[in-house]
Amino acid sequence: MGKRNRILIINLPQLQNLIKRDPLSYREDFLQQYRHLESQLAIFKLKPDEEAEEFGSLITFISQVAQCYPKETSNFPHQLINLLSEQHQILNSNLRKSIAKDLILLRNKDIIPSST
């Protein structure tokens, strides 16, 4: 992995800005972060009561750029909804609040239909 990729992995806000400006050029970087989110989700489901700041940051990042990659993120809102409904009682309160905010953001961007 090159130096550019290491920097982008660490700096999600910068990658978010770049993706919003040119989604096609940064598709692979996005997919790398999305795969990272999915692996973090699998790990998180094993220990949902632990602090998960990186996991929350990834969720927010994907929520911010989901409209740029609708096909790739089509299941993402449902993953968040399922996570909240299955783990809401033991989720860290900050993470629970962050996921709720991200779901509202996705709804405001019409990524989640109003009937969901």
PDB file of N, CA and C in Angstrom:
ATOM      1  N   MET A   1       0.853  -1.170   0.000  1.00  0.00           N
ATOM      2  CA  MET A   1       0.000   0.000   0.000  1.00  0.00           C
ATOM      3  C   MET A   1       0.897   1.232   0.000  1.00  0.00           C
ATOM      4  N   GLY A   2       0.589   2.190  -0.833  1.00  0.00           N
ATOM      5  CA  GLY A   2       1.393   3.395  -0.958  1.00  0.00           C
ATOM      6  C   GLY A   2       1.146   4.384   0.156  1.00  0.00           C
ATOM      7  N   LYS A   3       1.997   5.383   0.210  1.00  0.00           N
ATOM      8  CA  LYS A   3       1.884   6.419   1.233  1.00  0.00           C
ATOM      9  C   LYS A   3       0.546   7.143   1.127  1.00  0.00           C
ATOM     10  N   ARG A   4       0.084   7.408  -0.089  1.00  0.00           N
ATOM     11  CA  ARG A   4      -1.189   8.105  -0.299  1.00  0.00           C
ATOM     12  C   ARG A   4      -2.333   7.326   0.350  1.00  0.00           C
ATOM     13  N   ASN A   5      -2.364   6.010   0.164  1.00  0.00           N
ATOM     14  CA  ASN A   5      -3.426   5.194   0.738  1.00  0.00           C
ATOM     15  C   ASN A   5      -3.377   5.188   2.256  1.00  0.00           C
ATOM     16  N   ARG A   6      -2.184   5.133   2.831  1.00  0.00           N
ATOM     17  CA  ARG A   6      -2.076   5.162   4.291  1.00  0.00           C
ATOM     18  C   ARG A   6      -2.619   6.467   4.844  1.00  0.00           C
ATOM     19  N   ILE A   7      -2.341   7.561   4.180  1.00  0.00           N
ATOM     20  CA  ILE A   7      -2.824   8.864   4.637  1.00  0.00           C
ATOM     21  C   ILE A   7      -4.341   8.923   4.552  1.00  0.00           C
ATOM     22  N   LEU A   8      -4.911   8.435   3.456  1.00  0.00           N
ATOM     23  CA  LEU A   8      -6.355   8.494   3.283  1.00  0.00           C
ATOM     24  C   LEU A   8      -7.090   7.614   4.279  1.00  0.00           C
ATOM     25  N   ILE A   9      -6.516   6.481   4.628  1.00  0.00           N
ATOM     26  CA  ILE A   9      -7.154   5.609   5.604  1.00  0.00           C
ATOM     27  C   ILE A   9      -7.246   6.312   6.949  1.00  0.00           C
ATOM     28  N   ILE A  10      -6.218   7.031   7.308  1.00  0.00           N
ATOM     29  CA  ILE A  10      -6.180   7.709   8.594  1.00  0.00           C
ATOM     30  C   ILE A  10      -7.057   8.958   8.585  1.00  0.00           C
ATOM     31  N   ASN A  11      -7.135   9.652   7.474  1.00  0.00           N
ATOM     32  CA  ASN A  11      -7.813  10.932   7.407  1.00  0.00           C
ATOM     33  C   ASN A  11      -9.151  10.809   6.671  1.00  0.00           C
ATOM     34  N   LEU A  12     -10.157  10.278   7.362  1.00  0.00           N
ATOM     35  CA  LEU A  12     -11.468  10.084   6.750  1.00  0.00           C
ATOM     36  C   LEU A  12     -12.130  11.385   6.312  1.00  0.00           C
ATOM     37  N   PRO A  13     -12.047  12.470   7.081  1.00  0.00           N
ATOM     38  CA  PRO A  13     -12.661  13.718   6.595  1.00  0.00           C
ATOM     39  C   PRO A  13     -12.066  14.207   5.272  1.00  0.00           C
ATOM     40  N   GLN A  14     -10.758  14.051   5.109  1.00  0.00           N
ATOM     41  CA  GLN A  14     -10.134  14.462   3.849  1.00  0.00           C
ATOM     42  C   GLN A  14     -10.609  13.562   2.708  1.00  0.00           C
ATOM     43  N   LEU A  15     -10.655  12.256   2.946  1.00  0.00           N
ATOM     44  CA  LEU A  15     -11.139  11.328   1.926  1.00  0.00           C
ATOM     45  C   LEU A  15     -12.596  11.625   1.589  1.00  0.00           C
ATOM     46  N   GLN A  16     -13.387  11.941   2.588  1.00  0.00           N
ATOM     47  CA  GLN A  16     -14.791  12.313   2.366  1.00  0.00           C
ATOM     48  C   GLN A  16     -14.882  13.506   1.422  1.00  0.00           C
ATOM     49  N   ASN A  17     -14.080  14.514   1.644  1.00  0.00           N
ATOM     50  CA  ASN A  17     -14.057  15.698   0.791  1.00  0.00           C
ATOM     51  C   ASN A  17     -13.659  15.335  -0.638  1.00  0.00           C
ATOM     52  N   LEU A  18     -12.631  14.513  -0.780  1.00  0.00           N
ATOM     53  CA  LEU A  18     -12.170  14.112  -2.109  1.00  0.00           C
ATOM     54  C   LEU A  18     -13.227  13.288  -2.843  1.00  0.00           C
ATOM     55  N   ILE A  19     -13.886  12.409  -2.132  1.00  0.00           N
ATOM     56  CA  ILE A  19     -14.926  11.580  -2.746  1.00  0.00           C
ATOM     57  C   ILE A  19     -16.085  12.437  -3.227  1.00  0.00           C
ATOM     58  N   LYS A  20     -16.499  13.393  -2.420  1.00  0.00           N
ATOM     59  CA  LYS A  20     -17.618  14.253  -2.823  1.00  0.00           C
ATOM     60  C   LYS A  20     -17.274  15.078  -4.057  1.00  0.00           C
ATOM     61  N   ARG A  21     -16.006  15.405  -4.239  1.00  0.00           N
ATOM     62  CA  ARG A  21     -15.585  16.180  -5.412  1.00  0.00           C
ATOM     63  C   ARG A  21     -15.439  15.311  -6.657  1.00  0.00           C
ATOM     64  N   ASP A  22     -14.980  14.071  -6.473  1.00  0.00           N
ATOM     65  CA  ASP A  22     -14.704  13.198  -7.619  1.00  0.00           C
ATOM     66  C   ASP A  22     -14.908  11.730  -7.225  1.00  0.00           C
ATOM     67  N   PRO A  23     -16.158  11.287  -7.142  1.00  0.00           N
ATOM     68  CA  PRO A  23     -16.445   9.923  -6.690  1.00  0.00           C
ATOM     69  C   PRO A  23     -15.784   8.824  -7.523  1.00  0.00           C
ATOM     70  N   LEU A  24     -15.714   8.999  -8.822  1.00  0.00           N
ATOM     71  CA  LEU A  24     -15.147   7.947  -9.675  1.00  0.00           C
ATOM     72  C   LEU A  24     -13.664   7.708  -9.395  1.00  0.00           C
ATOM     73  N   SER A  25     -12.928   8.763  -9.165  1.00  0.00           N
ATOM     74  CA  SER A  25     -11.486   8.634  -8.925  1.00  0.00           C
ATOM     75  C   SER A  25     -11.163   7.979  -7.589  1.00  0.00           C
ATOM     76  N   TYR A  26     -12.060   8.089  -6.635  1.00  0.00           N
ATOM     77  CA  TYR A  26     -11.781   7.585  -5.292  1.00  0.00           C
ATOM     78  C   TYR A  26     -12.636   6.378  -4.931  1.00  0.00           C
ATOM     79  N   ARG A  27     -13.190   5.723  -5.942  1.00  0.00           N
ATOM     80  CA  ARG A  27     -14.057   4.567  -5.711  1.00  0.00           C
ATOM     81  C   ARG A  27     -13.310   3.452  -4.975  1.00  0.00           C
ATOM     82  N   GLU A  28     -12.104   3.144  -5.385  1.00  0.00           N
ATOM     83  CA  GLU A  28     -11.337   2.068  -4.740  1.00  0.00           C
ATOM     84  C   GLU A  28     -11.019   2.406  -3.284  1.00  0.00           C
ATOM     85  N   ASP A  29     -10.713   3.671  -3.018  1.00  0.00           N
ATOM     86  CA  ASP A  29     -10.465   4.093  -1.632  1.00  0.00           C
ATOM     87  C   ASP A  29     -11.734   3.936  -0.800  1.00  0.00           C
ATOM     88  N   PHE A  30     -12.868   4.297  -1.397  1.00  0.00           N
ATOM     89  CA  PHE A  30     -14.142   4.123  -0.704  1.00  0.00           C
ATOM     90  C   PHE A  30     -14.398   2.647  -0.414  1.00  0.00           C
ATOM     91  N   LEU A  31     -14.220   1.800  -1.417  1.00  0.00           N
ATOM     92  CA  LEU A  31     -14.478   0.371  -1.242  1.00  0.00           C
ATOM     93  C   LEU A  31     -13.575  -0.235  -0.173  1.00  0.00           C
ATOM     94  N   GLN A  32     -12.354   0.250  -0.096  1.00  0.00           N
ATOM     95  CA  GLN A  32     -11.445  -0.218   0.950  1.00  0.00           C
ATOM     96  C   GLN A  32     -12.001   0.147   2.330  1.00  0.00           C
ATOM     97  N   GLN A  33     -12.483   1.357   2.474  1.00  0.00           N
ATOM     98  CA  GLN A  33     -13.057   1.778   3.752  1.00  0.00           C
ATOM     99  C   GLN A  33     -14.352   1.023   4.050  1.00  0.00           C
ATOM    100  N   TYR A  34     -15.130   0.750   3.021  1.00  0.00           N
ATOM    101  CA  TYR A  34     -16.386   0.021   3.213  1.00  0.00           C
ATOM    102  C   TYR A  34     -16.105  -1.417   3.666  1.00  0.00           C
ATOM    103  N   ARG A  35     -15.100  -2.053   3.070  1.00  0.00           N
ATOM    104  CA  ARG A  35     -14.704  -3.398   3.516  1.00  0.00           C
ATOM    105  C   ARG A  35     -14.193  -3.349   4.961  1.00  0.00           C
ATOM    106  N   HIS A  36     -13.473  -2.299   5.286  1.00  0.00           N
ATOM    107  CA  HIS A  36     -12.985  -2.129   6.659  1.00  0.00           C
ATOM    108  C   HIS A  36     -14.164  -1.986   7.622  1.00  0.00           C
ATOM    109  N   LEU A  37     -15.171  -1.233   7.217  1.00  0.00           N
ATOM    110  CA  LEU A  37     -16.378  -1.089   8.041  1.00  0.00           C
ATOM    111  C   LEU A  37     -17.041  -2.445   8.256  1.00  0.00           C
ATOM    112  N   GLU A  38     -17.169  -3.229   7.213  1.00  0.00           N
ATOM    113  CA  GLU A  38     -17.821  -4.528   7.345  1.00  0.00           C
ATOM    114  C   GLU A  38     -17.045  -5.459   8.269  1.00  0.00           C
ATOM    115  N   SER A  39     -15.727  -5.421   8.217  1.00  0.00           N
ATOM    116  CA  SER A  39     -14.947  -6.244   9.141  1.00  0.00           C
ATOM    117  C   SER A  39     -15.062  -5.717  10.570  1.00  0.00           C
ATOM    118  N   GLN A  40     -15.082  -4.395  10.727  1.00  0.00           N
ATOM    119  CA  GLN A  40     -15.272  -3.808  12.060  1.00  0.00           C
ATOM    120  C   GLN A  40     -16.651  -4.157  12.622  1.00  0.00           C
ATOM    121  N   LEU A  41     -17.658  -4.200  11.755  1.00  0.00           N
ATOM    122  CA  LEU A  41     -19.009  -4.572  12.181  1.00  0.00           C
ATOM    123  C   LEU A  41     -19.029  -6.005  12.697  1.00  0.00           C
ATOM    124  N   ALA A  42     -18.370  -6.906  11.998  1.00  0.00           N
ATOM    125  CA  ALA A  42     -18.312  -8.299  12.441  1.00  0.00           C
ATOM    126  C   ALA A  42     -17.617  -8.412  13.795  1.00  0.00           C
ATOM    127  N   ILE A  43     -16.537  -7.684  13.973  1.00  0.00           N
ATOM    128  CA  ILE A  43     -15.828  -7.682  15.256  1.00  0.00           C
ATOM    129  C   ILE A  43     -16.689  -7.042  16.334  1.00  0.00           C
ATOM    130  N   PHE A  44     -17.335  -5.942  15.989  1.00  0.00           N
ATOM    131  CA  PHE A  44     -18.157  -5.219  16.954  1.00  0.00           C
ATOM    132  C   PHE A  44     -19.309  -6.078  17.463  1.00  0.00           C
ATOM    133  N   LYS A  45     -19.899  -6.881  16.595  1.00  0.00           N
ATOM    134  CA  LYS A  45     -21.027  -7.726  17.008  1.00  0.00           C
ATOM    135  C   LYS A  45     -20.616  -8.736  18.072  1.00  0.00           C
ATOM    136  N   LEU A  46     -19.328  -9.060  18.136  1.00  0.00           N
ATOM    137  CA  LEU A  46     -18.837  -9.968  19.166  1.00  0.00           C
ATOM    138  C   LEU A  46     -18.759  -9.285  20.530  1.00  0.00           C
ATOM    139  N   LYS A  47     -18.495  -7.961  20.535  1.00  0.00           N
ATOM    140  CA  LYS A  47     -18.370  -7.197  21.781  1.00  0.00           C
ATOM    141  C   LYS A  47     -19.058  -5.841  21.621  1.00  0.00           C
ATOM    142  N   PRO A  48     -20.385  -5.817  21.568  1.00  0.00           N
ATOM    143  CA  PRO A  48     -21.094  -4.559  21.292  1.00  0.00           C
ATOM    144  C   PRO A  48     -21.091  -3.552  22.441  1.00  0.00           C
ATOM    145  N   ASP A  49     -20.678  -3.966  23.618  1.00  0.00           N
ATOM    146  CA  ASP A  49     -20.707  -3.051  24.752  1.00  0.00           C
ATOM    147  C   ASP A  49     -19.419  -2.252  24.909  1.00  0.00           C
ATOM    148  N   GLU A  50     -18.430  -2.505  24.069  1.00  0.00           N
ATOM    149  CA  GLU A  50     -17.159  -1.790  24.181  1.00  0.00           C
ATOM    150  C   GLU A  50     -17.189  -0.469  23.414  1.00  0.00           C
ATOM    151  N   GLU A  51     -16.338   0.437  23.827  1.00  0.00           N
ATOM    152  CA  GLU A  51     -16.169   1.717  23.124  1.00  0.00           C
ATOM    153  C   GLU A  51     -15.646   1.425  21.726  1.00  0.00           C
ATOM    154  N   ALA A  52     -16.221   2.063  20.732  1.00  0.00           N
ATOM    155  CA  ALA A  52     -15.839   1.777  19.345  1.00  0.00           C
ATOM    156  C   ALA A  52     -15.763   3.077  18.556  1.00  0.00           C
ATOM    157  N   GLU A  53     -14.815   3.910  18.909  1.00  0.00           N
ATOM    158  CA  GLU A  53     -14.689   5.220  18.274  1.00  0.00           C
ATOM    159  C   GLU A  53     -14.378   5.100  16.784  1.00  0.00           C
ATOM    160  N   GLU A  54     -13.456   4.207  16.422  1.00  0.00           N
ATOM    161  CA  GLU A  54     -13.105   4.031  15.009  1.00  0.00           C
ATOM    162  C   GLU A  54     -14.304   3.514  14.216  1.00  0.00           C
ATOM    163  N   PHE A  55     -15.037   2.588  14.796  1.00  0.00           N
ATOM    164  CA  PHE A  55     -16.226   2.037  14.153  1.00  0.00           C
ATOM    165  C   PHE A  55     -17.256   3.140  13.915  1.00  0.00           C
ATOM    166  N   GLY A  56     -17.481   3.982  14.903  1.00  0.00           N
ATOM    167  CA  GLY A  56     -18.409   5.107  14.759  1.00  0.00           C
ATOM    168  C   GLY A  56     -17.960   6.089  13.695  1.00  0.00           C
ATOM    169  N   SER A  57     -16.663   6.338  13.616  1.00  0.00           N
ATOM    170  CA  SER A  57     -16.134   7.241  12.587  1.00  0.00           C
ATOM    171  C   SER A  57     -16.346   6.672  11.190  1.00  0.00           C
ATOM    172  N   LEU A  58     -16.172   5.373  11.049  1.00  0.00           N
ATOM    173  CA  LEU A  58     -16.401   4.735   9.750  1.00  0.00           C
ATOM    174  C   LEU A  58     -17.872   4.806   9.343  1.00  0.00           C
ATOM    175  N   ILE A  59     -18.762   4.598  10.306  1.00  0.00           N
ATOM    176  CA  ILE A  59     -20.197   4.688  10.019  1.00  0.00           C
ATOM    177  C   ILE A  59     -20.546   6.091   9.545  1.00  0.00           C
ATOM    178  N   THR A  60     -20.039   7.096  10.234  1.00  0.00           N
ATOM    179  CA  THR A  60     -20.308   8.483   9.842  1.00  0.00           C
ATOM    180  C   THR A  60     -19.726   8.779   8.466  1.00  0.00           C
ATOM    181  N   PHE A  61     -18.524   8.316   8.210  1.00  0.00           N
ATOM    182  CA  PHE A  61     -17.894   8.521   6.906  1.00  0.00           C
ATOM    183  C   PHE A  61     -18.744   7.915   5.790  1.00  0.00           C
ATOM    184  N   ILE A  62     -19.152   6.667   5.945  1.00  0.00           N
ATOM    185  CA  ILE A  62     -19.960   6.002   4.914  1.00  0.00           C
ATOM    186  C   ILE A  62     -21.294   6.722   4.752  1.00  0.00           C
ATOM    187  N   SER A  63     -21.882   7.173   5.847  1.00  0.00           N
ATOM    188  CA  SER A  63     -23.151   7.912   5.775  1.00  0.00           C
ATOM    189  C   SER A  63     -22.999   9.203   4.982  1.00  0.00           C
ATOM    190  N   GLN A  64     -21.875   9.865   5.146  1.00  0.00           N
ATOM    191  CA  GLN A  64     -21.642  11.136   4.458  1.00  0.00           C
ATOM    192  C   GLN A  64     -21.465  10.973   2.953  1.00  0.00           C
ATOM    193  N   VAL A  65     -20.918   9.850   2.511  1.00  0.00           N
ATOM    194  CA  VAL A  65     -20.632   9.675   1.077  1.00  0.00           C
ATOM    195  C   VAL A  65     -21.511   8.618   0.411  1.00  0.00           C
ATOM    196  N   ALA A  66     -22.487   8.088   1.116  1.00  0.00           N
ATOM    197  CA  ALA A  66     -23.323   7.007   0.575  1.00  0.00           C
ATOM    198  C   ALA A  66     -24.025   7.403  -0.715  1.00  0.00           C
ATOM    199  N   GLN A  67     -24.399   8.656  -0.859  1.00  0.00           N
ATOM    200  CA  GLN A  67     -25.096   9.084  -2.077  1.00  0.00           C
ATOM    201  C   GLN A  67     -24.191   9.017  -3.300  1.00  0.00           C
ATOM    202  N   CYS A  68     -22.894   9.003  -3.105  1.00  0.00           N
ATOM    203  CA  CYS A  68     -21.945   8.906  -4.225  1.00  0.00           C
ATOM    204  C   CYS A  68     -21.839   7.480  -4.760  1.00  0.00           C
ATOM    205  N   TYR A  69     -22.193   6.505  -3.942  1.00  0.00           N
ATOM    206  CA  TYR A  69     -22.082   5.096  -4.312  1.00  0.00           C
ATOM    207  C   TYR A  69     -23.358   4.353  -3.903  1.00  0.00           C
ATOM    208  N   PRO A  70     -24.480   4.672  -4.519  1.00  0.00           N
ATOM    209  CA  PRO A  70     -25.756   4.079  -4.087  1.00  0.00           C
ATOM    210  C   PRO A  70     -25.807   2.555  -4.228  1.00  0.00           C
ATOM    211  N   LYS A  71     -25.214   2.027  -5.266  1.00  0.00           N
ATOM    212  CA  LYS A  71     -25.235   0.573  -5.473  1.00  0.00           C
ATOM    213  C   LYS A  71     -24.440  -0.141  -4.379  1.00  0.00           C
ATOM    214  N   GLU A  72     -23.262   0.368  -4.095  1.00  0.00           N
ATOM    215  CA  GLU A  72     -22.382  -0.264  -3.115  1.00  0.00           C
ATOM    216  C   GLU A  72     -22.929  -0.162  -1.693  1.00  0.00           C
ATOM    217  N   THR A  73     -23.674   0.901  -1.408  1.00  0.00           N
ATOM    218  CA  THR A  73     -24.166   1.127  -0.040  1.00  0.00           C
ATOM    219  C   THR A  73     -25.650   0.817   0.115  1.00  0.00           C
ATOM    220  N   SER A  74     -26.223   0.096  -0.821  1.00  0.00           N
ATOM    221  CA  SER A  74     -27.669  -0.153  -0.771  1.00  0.00           C
ATOM    222  C   SER A  74     -28.097  -0.882   0.501  1.00  0.00           C
ATOM    223  N   ASN A  75     -27.241  -1.728   1.061  1.00  0.00           N
ATOM    224  CA  ASN A  75     -27.584  -2.475   2.268  1.00  0.00           C
ATOM    225  C   ASN A  75     -27.151  -1.762   3.552  1.00  0.00           C
ATOM    226  N   PHE A  76     -26.366  -0.724   3.427  1.00  0.00           N
ATOM    227  CA  PHE A  76     -25.798  -0.031   4.587  1.00  0.00           C
ATOM    228  C   PHE A  76     -26.852   0.482   5.578  1.00  0.00           C
ATOM    229  N   PRO A  77     -27.900   1.192   5.128  1.00  0.00           N
ATOM    230  CA  PRO A  77     -28.894   1.666   6.099  1.00  0.00           C
ATOM    231  C   PRO A  77     -29.554   0.528   6.874  1.00  0.00           C
ATOM    232  N   HIS A  78     -29.810  -0.581   6.197  1.00  0.00           N
ATOM    233  CA  HIS A  78     -30.436  -1.722   6.866  1.00  0.00           C
ATOM    234  C   HIS A  78     -29.499  -2.344   7.899  1.00  0.00           C
ATOM    235  N   GLN A  79     -28.209  -2.322   7.618  1.00  0.00           N
ATOM    236  CA  GLN A  79     -27.237  -2.815   8.593  1.00  0.00           C
ATOM    237  C   GLN A  79     -27.281  -1.957   9.859  1.00  0.00           C
ATOM    238  N   LEU A  80     -27.373  -0.638   9.683  1.00  0.00           N
ATOM    239  CA  LEU A  80     -27.437   0.260  10.843  1.00  0.00           C
ATOM    240  C   LEU A  80     -28.731   0.066  11.620  1.00  0.00           C
ATOM    241  N   ILE A  81     -29.839  -0.040  10.896  1.00  0.00           N
ATOM    242  CA  ILE A  81     -31.138  -0.242  11.549  1.00  0.00           C
ATOM    243  C   ILE A  81     -31.128  -1.547  12.337  1.00  0.00           C
ATOM    244  N   ASN A  82     -30.616  -2.613  11.739  1.00  0.00           N
ATOM    245  CA  ASN A  82     -30.540  -3.901  12.433  1.00  0.00           C
ATOM    246  C   ASN A  82     -29.628  -3.825  13.650  1.00  0.00           C
ATOM    247  N   LEU A  83     -28.514  -3.147  13.513  1.00  0.00           N
ATOM    248  CA  LEU A  83     -27.588  -3.004  14.637  1.00  0.00           C
ATOM    249  C   LEU A  83     -28.264  -2.290  15.805  1.00  0.00           C
ATOM    250  N   LEU A  84     -28.955  -1.208  15.507  1.00  0.00           N
ATOM    251  CA  LEU A  84     -29.653  -0.473  16.570  1.00  0.00           C
ATOM    252  C   LEU A  84     -30.767  -1.300  17.195  1.00  0.00           C
ATOM    253  N   SER A  85     -31.554  -1.968  16.379  1.00  0.00           N
ATOM    254  CA  SER A  85     -32.690  -2.711  16.932  1.00  0.00           C
ATOM    255  C   SER A  85     -32.248  -3.954  17.706  1.00  0.00           C
ATOM    256  N   GLU A  86     -31.146  -4.569  17.304  1.00  0.00           N
ATOM    257  CA  GLU A  86     -30.681  -5.776  17.990  1.00  0.00           C
ATOM    258  C   GLU A  86     -29.809  -5.477  19.209  1.00  0.00           C
ATOM    259  N   GLN A  87     -29.055  -4.388  19.182  1.00  0.00           N
ATOM    260  CA  GLN A  87     -28.056  -4.130  20.219  1.00  0.00           C
ATOM    261  C   GLN A  87     -28.308  -2.851  21.018  1.00  0.00           C
ATOM    262  N   HIS A  88     -29.454  -2.224  20.855  1.00  0.00           N
ATOM    263  CA  HIS A  88     -29.657  -0.887  21.434  1.00  0.00           C
ATOM    264  C   HIS A  88     -29.444  -0.826  22.943  1.00  0.00           C
ATOM    265  N   GLN A  89     -29.754  -1.886  23.644  1.00  0.00           N
ATOM    266  CA  GLN A  89     -29.638  -1.834  25.101  1.00  0.00           C
ATOM    267  C   GLN A  89     -28.196  -1.895  25.594  1.00  0.00           C
ATOM    268  N   ILE A  90     -27.318  -2.507  24.819  1.00  0.00           N
ATOM    269  CA  ILE A  90     -25.941  -2.644  25.295  1.00  0.00           C
ATOM    270  C   ILE A  90     -24.938  -1.799  24.522  1.00  0.00           C
ATOM    271  N   LEU A  91     -25.409  -1.093  23.498  1.00  0.00           N
ATOM    272  CA  LEU A  91     -24.509  -0.205  22.751  1.00  0.00           C
ATOM    273  C   LEU A  91     -24.016   0.927  23.637  1.00  0.00           C
ATOM    274  N   ASN A  92     -22.793   1.314  23.434  1.00  0.00           N
ATOM    275  CA  ASN A  92     -22.262   2.505  24.080  1.00  0.00           C
ATOM    276  C   ASN A  92     -23.160   3.684  23.710  1.00  0.00           C
ATOM    277  N   SER A  93     -23.490   4.525  24.667  1.00  0.00           N
ATOM    278  CA  SER A  93     -24.454   5.609  24.416  1.00  0.00           C
ATOM    279  C   SER A  93     -23.984   6.581  23.332  1.00  0.00           C
ATOM    280  N   ASN A  94     -22.694   6.874  23.291  1.00  0.00           N
ATOM    281  CA  ASN A  94     -22.186   7.778  22.246  1.00  0.00           C
ATOM    282  C   ASN A  94     -22.319   7.159  20.862  1.00  0.00           C
ATOM    283  N   LEU A  95     -22.040   5.869  20.757  1.00  0.00           N
ATOM    284  CA  LEU A  95     -22.166   5.189  19.473  1.00  0.00           C
ATOM    285  C   LEU A  95     -23.636   5.103  19.058  1.00  0.00           C
ATOM    286  N   ARG A  96     -24.500   4.802  20.000  1.00  0.00           N
ATOM    287  CA  ARG A  96     -25.944   4.728  19.713  1.00  0.00           C
ATOM    288  C   ARG A  96     -26.448   6.071  19.192  1.00  0.00           C
ATOM    289  N   LYS A  97     -26.027   7.146  19.821  1.00  0.00           N
ATOM    290  CA  LYS A  97     -26.414   8.494  19.392  1.00  0.00           C
ATOM    291  C   LYS A  97     -25.859   8.800  18.001  1.00  0.00           C
ATOM    292  N   SER A  98     -24.616   8.414  17.752  1.00  0.00           N
ATOM    293  CA  SER A  98     -23.983   8.645  16.458  1.00  0.00           C
ATOM    294  C   SER A  98     -24.704   7.877  15.347  1.00  0.00           C
ATOM    295  N   ILE A  99     -25.061   6.624  15.604  1.00  0.00           N
ATOM    296  CA  ILE A  99     -25.776   5.825  14.605  1.00  0.00           C
ATOM    297  C   ILE A  99     -27.137   6.444  14.311  1.00  0.00           C
ATOM    298  N   ALA A 100     -27.827   6.903  15.349  1.00  0.00           N
ATOM    299  CA  ALA A 100     -29.127   7.548  15.140  1.00  0.00           C
ATOM    300  C   ALA A 100     -28.973   8.806  14.281  1.00  0.00           C
ATOM    301  N   LYS A 101     -27.953   9.611  14.553  1.00  0.00           N
ATOM    302  CA  LYS A 101     -27.701  10.811  13.741  1.00  0.00           C
ATOM    303  C   LYS A 101     -27.399  10.444  12.294  1.00  0.00           C
ATOM    304  N   ASP A 102     -26.625   9.383  12.106  1.00  0.00           N
ATOM    305  CA  ASP A 102     -26.281   8.961  10.748  1.00  0.00           C
ATOM    306  C   ASP A 102     -27.505   8.441  10.003  1.00  0.00           C
ATOM    307  N   LEU A 103     -28.397   7.759  10.692  1.00  0.00           N
ATOM    308  CA  LEU A 103     -29.638   7.311  10.054  1.00  0.00           C
ATOM    309  C   LEU A 103     -30.509   8.499   9.658  1.00  0.00           C
ATOM    310  N   ILE A 104     -30.546   9.525  10.498  1.00  0.00           N
ATOM    311  CA  ILE A 104     -31.294  10.744  10.156  1.00  0.00           C
ATOM    312  C   ILE A 104     -30.674  11.405   8.933  1.00  0.00           C
ATOM    313  N   LEU A 105     -29.352  11.461   8.885  1.00  0.00           N
ATOM    314  CA  LEU A 105     -28.658  12.020   7.724  1.00  0.00           C
ATOM    315  C   LEU A 105     -29.015  11.246   6.457  1.00  0.00           C
ATOM    316  N   LEU A 106     -29.003   9.920   6.539  1.00  0.00           N
ATOM    317  CA  LEU A 106     -29.351   9.096   5.381  1.00  0.00           C
ATOM    318  C   LEU A 106     -30.801   9.319   4.963  1.00  0.00           C
ATOM    319  N   ARG A 107     -31.673   9.509   5.925  1.00  0.00           N
ATOM    320  CA  ARG A 107     -33.080   9.788   5.607  1.00  0.00           C
ATOM    321  C   ARG A 107     -33.212  11.154   4.940  1.00  0.00           C
ATOM    322  N   ASN A 108     -32.513  12.148   5.445  1.00  0.00           N
ATOM    323  CA  ASN A 108     -32.572  13.494   4.864  1.00  0.00           C
ATOM    324  C   ASN A 108     -32.022  13.530   3.446  1.00  0.00           C
ATOM    325  N   LYS A 109     -31.113  12.618   3.124  1.00  0.00           N
ATOM    326  CA  LYS A 109     -30.560  12.540   1.770  1.00  0.00           C
ATOM    327  C   LYS A 109     -31.395  11.625   0.871  1.00  0.00           C
ATOM    328  N   ASP A 110     -32.536  11.166   1.370  1.00  0.00           N
ATOM    329  CA  ASP A 110     -33.436  10.251   0.649  1.00  0.00           C
ATOM    330  C   ASP A 110     -32.769   8.930   0.289  1.00  0.00           C
ATOM    331  N   ILE A 111     -31.803   8.522   1.071  1.00  0.00           N
ATOM    332  CA  ILE A 111     -31.190   7.212   0.881  1.00  0.00           C
ATOM    333  C   ILE A 111     -32.051   6.156   1.559  1.00  0.00           C
ATOM    334  N   ILE A 112     -32.690   6.553   2.652  1.00  0.00           N
ATOM    335  CA  ILE A 112     -33.655   5.698   3.331  1.00  0.00           C
ATOM    336  C   ILE A 112     -35.037   6.246   3.001  1.00  0.00           C
ATOM    337  N   PRO A 113     -35.920   5.417   2.455  1.00  0.00           N
ATOM    338  CA  PRO A 113     -37.279   5.905   2.179  1.00  0.00           C
ATOM    339  C   PRO A 113     -38.023   6.195   3.480  1.00  0.00           C
ATOM    340  N   SER A 114     -38.980   7.071   3.422  1.00  0.00           N
ATOM    341  CA  SER A 114     -39.701   7.479   4.629  1.00  0.00           C
ATOM    342  C   SER A 114     -40.496   6.337   5.247  1.00  0.00           C
ATOM    343  N   SER A 115     -40.775   5.294   4.506  1.00  0.00           N
ATOM    344  CA  SER A 115     -41.551   4.173   5.035  1.00  0.00           C
ATOM    345  C   SER A 115     -40.721   3.194   5.850  1.00  0.00           C
ATOM    346  N   THR A 116     -39.393   3.343   5.854  1.00  0.00           N
ATOM    347  CA  THR A 116     -38.524   2.407   6.575  1.00  0.00           C
ATOM    348  C   THR A 116     -38.479   2.728   8.039  1.00  0.00           C
TER     349      THR A 116
END
